Amino acid sequence: MIIKRRSQMSGVVCERDLDLTKEQYDQWRNGALIQTAMPQLSKDDREFIMTGITQEEWDEAYGERE
């Protein structure tokens, strides 16, 4: 599924093709915890869905994770 988000950090619009279904997306939008609705996604992908912030933006702003 193509997900398009505006980053809450930079305002940049990014688009990603993520492994999720419309049903999973709808579950989250209707109140399910994102990790419950989309357990197959990485925490970085879930963060992107929620905030539009990419891992690259986090790394640039706060340094790469160890």
C-alpha atoms as a PDB file:
ATOM      1  CA  MET A   1       0.000   0.000   0.000  1.00  0.00           C
ATOM      2  CA  ILE A   2       1.331   3.447  -0.911  1.00  0.00           C
ATOM      3  CA  ILE A   3       1.393   5.751   2.122  1.00  0.00           C
ATOM      4  CA  LYS A   4       2.025   9.460   1.648  1.00  0.00           C
ATOM      5  CA  ARG A   5       2.790  11.645   4.667  1.00  0.00           C
ATOM      6  CA  ARG A   6       4.037  15.136   5.505  1.00  0.00           C
ATOM      7  CA  SER A   7       6.807  14.993   8.085  1.00  0.00           C
ATOM      8  CA  GLN A   8       5.888  16.640  11.368  1.00  0.00           C
ATOM      9  CA  MET A   9       9.592  17.414  11.752  1.00  0.00           C
ATOM     10  CA  SER A  10      10.530  18.956   8.398  1.00  0.00           C
ATOM     11  CA  GLY A  11       7.280  19.453   6.500  1.00  0.00           C
ATOM     12  CA  VAL A  12       8.639  17.403   3.595  1.00  0.00           C
ATOM     13  CA  VAL A  13       6.126  15.088   1.901  1.00  0.00           C
ATOM     14  CA  CYS A  14       7.347  11.511   1.392  1.00  0.00           C
ATOM     15  CA  GLU A  15       5.731   8.451  -0.097  1.00  0.00           C
ATOM     16  CA  ARG A  16       6.480   4.832   0.793  1.00  0.00           C
ATOM     17  CA  ASP A  17       5.181   1.491  -0.416  1.00  0.00           C
ATOM     18  CA  LEU A  18       4.520  -0.508   2.755  1.00  0.00           C
ATOM     19  CA  ASP A  19       3.432  -4.100   3.316  1.00  0.00           C
ATOM     20  CA  LEU A  20      -0.007  -3.546   4.826  1.00  0.00           C
ATOM     21  CA  THR A  21      -3.625  -3.917   3.850  1.00  0.00           C
ATOM     22  CA  LYS A  22      -6.423  -1.386   3.781  1.00  0.00           C
ATOM     23  CA  GLU A  23      -8.073  -3.384   6.568  1.00  0.00           C
ATOM     24  CA  GLN A  24      -5.006  -3.015   8.788  1.00  0.00           C
ATOM     25  CA  TYR A  25      -4.822   0.707   8.035  1.00  0.00           C
ATOM     26  CA  ASP A  26      -8.526   1.102   8.821  1.00  0.00           C
ATOM     27  CA  GLN A  27      -8.113  -0.788  12.118  1.00  0.00           C
ATOM     28  CA  TRP A  28      -5.433   1.685  13.178  1.00  0.00           C
ATOM     29  CA  ARG A  29      -7.462   4.703  12.028  1.00  0.00           C
ATOM     30  CA  ASN A  30     -10.399   3.361  14.056  1.00  0.00           C
ATOM     31  CA  GLY A  31      -8.382   3.226  17.287  1.00  0.00           C
ATOM     32  CA  ALA A  32      -6.332   0.029  17.314  1.00  0.00           C
ATOM     33  CA  LEU A  33      -2.734   0.333  18.454  1.00  0.00           C
ATOM     34  CA  ILE A  34      -0.533   0.551  15.380  1.00  0.00           C
ATOM     35  CA  GLN A  35       1.719  -2.292  16.579  1.00  0.00           C
ATOM     36  CA  THR A  36      -1.378  -4.476  16.980  1.00  0.00           C
ATOM     37  CA  ALA A  37      -2.919  -3.545  13.636  1.00  0.00           C
ATOM     38  CA  MET A  38       0.377  -3.773  11.688  1.00  0.00           C
ATOM     39  CA  PRO A  39       2.729  -6.153  13.537  1.00  0.00           C
ATOM     40  CA  GLN A  40       4.646  -7.012  10.360  1.00  0.00           C
ATOM     41  CA  LEU A  41       5.942  -3.449   9.951  1.00  0.00           C
ATOM     42  CA  SER A  42       9.149  -2.206  11.509  1.00  0.00           C
ATOM     43  CA  LYS A  43       8.995   0.475  14.171  1.00  0.00           C
ATOM     44  CA  ASP A  44      10.477   2.887  11.605  1.00  0.00           C
ATOM     45  CA  ASP A  45       7.651   2.153   9.146  1.00  0.00           C
ATOM     46  CA  ARG A  46       5.036   2.573  11.878  1.00  0.00           C
ATOM     47  CA  GLU A  47       6.601   5.882  12.914  1.00  0.00           C
ATOM     48  CA  PHE A  48       6.412   7.045   9.306  1.00  0.00           C
ATOM     49  CA  ILE A  49       2.702   6.209   9.168  1.00  0.00           C
ATOM     50  CA  MET A  50       1.989   8.053  12.423  1.00  0.00           C
ATOM     51  CA  THR A  51       4.190  11.139  11.966  1.00  0.00           C
ATOM     52  CA  GLY A  52       5.608  11.183   8.450  1.00  0.00           C
ATOM     53  CA  ILE A  53       9.104  11.214   9.930  1.00  0.00           C
ATOM     54  CA  THR A  54      11.576   8.921   8.157  1.00  0.00           C
ATOM     55  CA  GLN A  55      14.529   7.171   9.766  1.00  0.00           C
ATOM     56  CA  GLU A  56      16.810   9.339   7.645  1.00  0.00           C
ATOM     57  CA  GLU A  57      15.294  12.473   9.200  1.00  0.00           C
ATOM     58  CA  TRP A  58      15.778  11.076  12.725  1.00  0.00           C
ATOM     59  CA  ASP A  59      19.407  10.211  11.903  1.00  0.00           C
ATOM     60  CA  GLU A  60      20.037  13.667  10.466  1.00  0.00           C
ATOM     61  CA  ALA A  61      18.430  15.453  13.423  1.00  0.00           C
ATOM     62  CA  TYR A  62      19.694  13.286  16.285  1.00  0.00           C
ATOM     63  CA  GLY A  63      22.531  11.165  14.892  1.00  0.00           C
ATOM     64  CA  GLU A  64      22.428   7.553  13.771  1.00  0.00           C
ATOM     65  CA  ARG A  65      21.383   4.827  16.184  1.00  0.00           C
ATOM     66  CA  GLU A  66      24.057   2.508  17.465  1.00  0.00           C
END
